[in-house]
Amino acid sequence: MSLAGHVAFVTGASQGIGRACALRLAKEGATVAVAARNQEKLHELVSEITAAGGQAVAFPLDVVDEEQVKTMIKAAIAQFGKIDILVNNAGITRDQLVMRMKRADWDTVLQTNLTSAYLCVQQVIPSMLKQRWGRIINVTSVFGQMGQAGQANYAASKAGLIGLTMAIAREVGSRNITCNAVAPGFIETPMTDVLSDEFKQNAVKQIPLGRVGTTVDIAGAVAFLASEDASYITGHVLSVNGGMLMG
């Protein structure tokens, strides 16, 4: 599943799923541009990748800022000559029952989780079209497929990513560019660390495999979709949820 010779751009790479994806893509041979707001964590990640013999460069980025997205992706293309793998992973939560949800929390989640993916795709597609090869991978969520009380904004943004994935797959498929989504279930990340033990125990009861997933589980799926092994897969949502949602 070698990705040698390819350049990947990963958003939300400073921690959690994004960090694991960057590490796995680098392990498979890709040069990785890691993007996030936390510069210190990005530089730690770059150091870890380079120490293991890989190649990575940090690109400080707030994905909500359109000008920053344009600037950083142009900088990455200027440095590496191309971007042919894009992992849209940046995401946040601002949980509240919909009747009490502030408009600002709705807007912030939609902008971070959904609009940022559109912005990044728009900037990398010319590079992919030029070489007639590309992999776009959007990290959605099981809650974008089944909903979740108290997460109307998050679920809507993740469901939107699924629709975006399918639309892009149809637009660019003829140019040998695939666009797929990975839908994690309950995964151990900094985002889920804040949840109560009771909530986590109840969640595990809903998972047939009987365990919470890891970021490594998601990174493996992302690496697969980025590889030649997945060259005939596009517009697909790959569920990595331990059986939490089937069908």
Protein backbone atom coordinates (compact mmCIF):
# COMPACT_ATOMS: atom_id res chain seq x y z
CA MET A 1 0.00 0.00 0.00
CA SER A 2 2.94 2.30 -0.73
CA LEU A 3 2.26 6.01 -1.04
CA ALA A 4 5.82 6.89 -1.99
CA GLY A 5 5.98 9.89 -4.30
CA HIS A 6 2.66 11.28 -3.14
CA VAL A 7 2.05 14.46 -1.14
CA ALA A 8 -0.72 14.56 1.45
CA PHE A 9 -2.31 17.58 3.12
CA VAL A 10 -4.00 16.77 6.44
CA THR A 11 -6.14 19.27 8.35
CA GLY A 12 -6.69 19.07 12.09
CA ALA A 13 -3.39 17.21 12.27
CA SER A 14 -2.20 18.39 15.68
CA GLN A 15 -4.05 15.72 17.66
CA GLY A 16 -6.46 12.80 17.57
CA ILE A 17 -7.51 11.30 14.27
CA GLY A 18 -5.65 13.87 12.15
CA ARG A 19 -2.38 13.18 13.94
CA ALA A 20 -2.79 9.42 13.51
CA CYS A 21 -3.58 9.88 9.81
CA ALA A 22 -0.47 11.99 9.26
CA LEU A 23 1.71 9.39 11.00
CA ARG A 24 0.23 6.53 8.98
CA LEU A 25 0.45 8.31 5.62
CA ALA A 26 4.09 9.19 6.35
CA LYS A 27 4.77 5.57 7.33
CA GLU A 28 3.38 4.50 3.94
CA GLY A 29 5.86 6.83 2.22
CA ALA A 30 3.88 9.99 1.58
CA THR A 31 5.30 13.44 2.19
CA VAL A 32 2.85 15.04 4.61
CA ALA A 33 1.85 18.66 5.00
CA VAL A 34 0.30 18.85 8.46
CA ALA A 35 -2.09 21.72 9.15
CA ALA A 36 -3.76 22.94 12.35
CA ARG A 37 -3.92 25.95 14.65
CA ASN A 38 -1.61 24.58 17.36
CA GLN A 39 1.90 25.23 16.06
CA GLU A 40 3.65 23.60 19.01
CA LYS A 41 1.84 20.30 18.53
CA LEU A 42 2.41 20.46 14.77
CA HIS A 43 6.15 20.83 15.23
CA GLU A 44 6.16 17.90 17.67
CA LEU A 45 4.39 15.82 15.03
CA VAL A 46 6.84 16.84 12.32
CA SER A 47 9.73 15.90 14.59
CA GLU A 48 8.19 12.49 15.25
CA ILE A 49 7.68 11.82 11.54
CA THR A 50 11.17 12.93 10.53
CA ALA A 51 12.75 10.96 13.38
CA ALA A 52 11.09 7.84 11.94
CA GLY A 53 12.56 8.58 8.51
CA GLY A 54 9.54 10.27 6.99
CA GLN A 55 8.99 13.71 5.49
CA ALA A 56 6.64 16.31 6.93
CA VAL A 57 6.23 20.08 7.11
CA ALA A 58 3.97 22.10 9.41
CA PHE A 59 1.50 24.63 8.02
CA PRO A 60 -0.21 26.68 10.77
CA LEU A 61 -3.81 27.05 9.67
CA ASP A 62 -7.24 28.04 10.92
CA VAL A 63 -9.49 26.26 8.42
CA VAL A 64 -12.33 28.73 9.04
CA ASP A 65 -10.26 31.53 7.49
CA GLU A 66 -10.60 31.32 3.70
CA GLU A 67 -7.52 33.44 3.02
CA GLN A 68 -5.40 31.26 5.30
CA VAL A 69 -6.63 28.15 3.49
CA LYS A 70 -5.68 29.64 0.12
CA THR A 71 -2.30 30.86 1.37
CA MET A 72 -1.25 27.64 3.14
CA ILE A 73 -2.31 25.28 0.35
CA LYS A 74 -0.54 27.47 -2.22
CA ALA A 75 2.55 27.41 0.00
CA ALA A 76 2.41 23.62 0.25
CA ILE A 77 2.06 23.24 -3.52
CA ALA A 78 4.92 25.68 -4.06
CA GLN A 79 7.12 23.68 -1.69
CA PHE A 80 6.26 20.16 -2.84
CA GLY A 81 5.13 20.79 -6.41
CA LYS A 82 1.70 19.24 -5.85
CA ILE A 83 -0.89 17.94 -3.41
CA ASP A 84 -2.47 14.70 -4.48
CA ILE A 85 -3.99 13.45 -1.22
CA LEU A 86 -6.28 15.67 0.86
CA VAL A 87 -7.58 14.57 4.24
CA ASN A 88 -10.30 16.91 5.52
CA ASN A 89 -10.27 16.04 9.19
CA ALA A 90 -10.54 19.33 11.10
CA GLY A 91 -13.58 19.31 13.34
CA ILE A 92 -15.08 20.65 16.55
CA THR A 93 -18.17 20.20 18.72
CA ARG A 94 -20.36 22.78 20.43
CA ASP A 95 -23.02 20.56 21.98
CA GLN A 96 -26.44 21.79 23.10
CA LEU A 97 -30.08 20.87 22.63
CA VAL A 98 -31.32 22.53 19.45
CA MET A 99 -33.91 24.64 21.28
CA ARG A 100 -31.11 26.23 23.32
CA MET A 101 -28.34 26.25 20.73
CA LYS A 102 -26.83 29.65 20.03
CA ARG A 103 -26.58 30.69 16.39
CA ALA A 104 -22.84 31.32 16.90
CA ASP A 105 -22.31 27.69 17.95
CA TRP A 106 -24.25 26.47 14.92
CA ASP A 107 -22.25 28.67 12.55
CA THR A 108 -18.86 27.84 14.08
CA VAL A 109 -19.39 24.08 13.83
CA LEU A 110 -20.70 24.23 10.25
CA GLN A 111 -17.84 26.51 9.17
CA THR A 112 -15.16 24.36 10.81
CA ASN A 113 -16.48 20.93 9.93
CA LEU A 114 -18.11 21.46 6.53
CA THR A 115 -17.26 24.77 4.89
CA SER A 116 -13.54 24.23 5.51
CA ALA A 117 -13.68 20.98 3.53
CA TYR A 118 -15.22 22.80 0.57
CA LEU A 119 -12.52 25.48 0.78
CA CYS A 120 -9.68 22.94 0.90
CA VAL A 121 -11.10 20.83 -1.93
CA GLN A 122 -11.45 23.90 -4.11
CA GLN A 123 -7.79 24.77 -3.61
CA VAL A 124 -6.28 21.30 -4.20
CA ILE A 125 -8.35 20.17 -7.20
CA PRO A 126 -6.32 22.14 -9.79
CA SER A 127 -3.17 20.30 -8.68
CA MET A 128 -4.95 16.95 -8.90
CA LEU A 129 -6.45 17.75 -12.31
CA LYS A 130 -3.03 18.68 -13.63
CA GLN A 131 -1.59 15.25 -12.85
CA ARG A 132 -4.86 13.37 -13.40
CA TRP A 133 -4.59 11.64 -10.03
CA GLY A 134 -6.00 12.50 -6.66
CA ARG A 135 -7.49 11.23 -3.45
CA ILE A 136 -9.90 13.35 -1.39
CA ILE A 137 -10.90 11.83 1.95
CA ASN A 138 -13.41 13.53 4.24
CA VAL A 139 -13.64 12.47 7.88
CA THR A 140 -17.34 12.42 8.74
CA SER A 141 -19.00 10.63 11.68
CA VAL A 142 -21.47 7.90 12.53
CA PHE A 143 -23.60 10.72 13.96
CA GLY A 144 -23.78 12.23 10.47
CA GLN A 145 -25.50 8.97 9.49
CA MET A 146 -27.77 8.37 12.50
CA GLY A 147 -28.00 11.71 14.31
CA GLN A 148 -27.32 12.42 17.98
CA ALA A 149 -29.35 14.33 20.54
CA GLY A 150 -27.60 17.51 21.61
CA GLN A 151 -25.47 17.56 18.46
CA ALA A 152 -27.73 19.00 15.77
CA ASN A 153 -24.92 21.25 14.51
CA TYR A 154 -22.29 18.49 14.55
CA ALA A 155 -24.58 15.87 12.97
CA ALA A 156 -25.68 18.33 10.27
CA SER A 157 -22.10 19.24 9.42
CA LYS A 158 -21.04 15.59 9.20
CA ALA A 159 -24.08 14.64 7.12
CA GLY A 160 -23.21 17.57 4.86
CA LEU A 161 -19.74 16.12 4.39
CA ILE A 162 -21.29 12.91 3.08
CA GLY A 163 -23.31 14.81 0.49
CA LEU A 164 -20.26 16.88 -0.42
CA THR A 165 -18.23 13.70 -0.85
CA MET A 166 -20.69 12.20 -3.32
CA ALA A 167 -21.07 15.40 -5.32
CA ILE A 168 -17.31 15.85 -5.69
CA ALA A 169 -16.88 12.18 -6.62
CA ARG A 170 -19.24 12.71 -9.55
CA GLU A 171 -17.56 15.95 -10.62
CA VAL A 172 -13.96 14.71 -10.77
CA GLY A 173 -14.21 10.96 -11.30
CA SER A 174 -13.44 11.19 -15.02
CA ARG A 175 -10.05 12.72 -14.17
CA ASN A 176 -8.94 9.74 -12.05
CA ILE A 177 -9.66 11.59 -8.80
CA THR A 178 -11.59 9.74 -6.12
CA CYS A 179 -13.50 11.28 -3.24
CA ASN A 180 -14.56 9.18 -0.28
CA ALA A 181 -15.51 9.59 3.36
CA VAL A 182 -14.55 7.73 6.51
CA ALA A 183 -17.24 7.65 9.20
CA PRO A 184 -15.73 6.91 12.61
CA GLY A 185 -17.88 5.59 15.42
CA PHE A 186 -16.93 6.09 19.07
CA ILE A 187 -13.18 6.74 18.99
CA GLU A 188 -10.74 7.52 21.82
CA THR A 189 -9.66 11.10 21.08
CA PRO A 190 -9.22 14.36 23.01
CA MET A 191 -12.75 15.21 21.83
CA THR A 192 -14.22 12.16 23.61
CA ASP A 193 -11.92 12.28 26.65
CA VAL A 194 -14.15 14.90 28.26
CA LEU A 195 -17.19 12.60 28.27
CA SER A 196 -18.24 10.90 31.50
CA ASP A 197 -17.31 7.28 32.25
CA GLU A 198 -21.01 6.46 32.41
CA PHE A 199 -21.55 7.81 28.89
CA LYS A 200 -18.58 5.83 27.59
CA GLN A 201 -19.76 2.60 29.25
CA ASN A 202 -23.22 3.01 27.75
CA ALA A 203 -21.70 3.71 24.35
CA VAL A 204 -19.65 0.50 24.43
CA LYS A 205 -22.85 -1.47 25.09
CA GLN A 206 -24.08 -0.31 21.66
CA ILE A 207 -20.94 -1.57 19.87
CA PRO A 208 -21.00 -5.24 18.78
CA LEU A 209 -17.20 -5.49 18.84
CA GLY A 210 -17.35 -4.48 22.49
CA ARG A 211 -14.70 -1.79 22.50
CA VAL A 212 -14.11 1.84 21.74
CA GLY A 213 -12.17 2.47 18.53
CA THR A 214 -8.73 4.04 18.29
CA THR A 215 -7.31 6.72 16.05
CA VAL A 216 -5.13 4.02 14.49
CA ASP A 217 -8.29 2.25 13.32
CA ILE A 218 -9.33 5.38 11.43
CA ALA A 219 -5.85 6.08 10.07
CA GLY A 220 -5.74 2.61 8.52
CA ALA A 221 -8.98 3.27 6.67
CA VAL A 222 -7.74 6.65 5.43
CA ALA A 223 -4.45 5.14 4.23
CA PHE A 224 -6.37 2.44 2.35
CA LEU A 225 -8.60 4.97 0.57
CA ALA A 226 -5.50 7.00 -0.35
CA SER A 227 -3.82 3.98 -1.93
CA GLU A 228 -4.00 2.32 -5.34
CA ASP A 229 -5.83 -0.56 -3.65
CA ALA A 230 -8.86 1.75 -3.50
CA SER A 231 -8.58 3.07 -7.06
CA TYR A 232 -12.06 1.81 -8.02
CA ILE A 233 -13.81 3.17 -4.94
CA THR A 234 -15.35 6.63 -5.04
CA GLY A 235 -18.36 8.37 -3.52
CA HIS A 236 -18.26 5.80 -0.73
CA VAL A 237 -18.69 6.19 3.02
CA LEU A 238 -16.46 3.70 4.82
CA SER A 239 -17.90 3.08 8.28
CA VAL A 240 -15.33 2.34 10.98
CA ASN A 241 -17.57 1.98 13.99
CA GLY A 242 -17.25 -1.53 15.41
CA GLY A 243 -20.75 -2.36 14.19
CA MET A 244 -22.41 0.53 16.03
CA LEU A 245 -24.36 1.30 12.83
CA MET A 246 -24.88 -1.28 10.10
CA GLY A 247 -26.43 -1.11 6.65
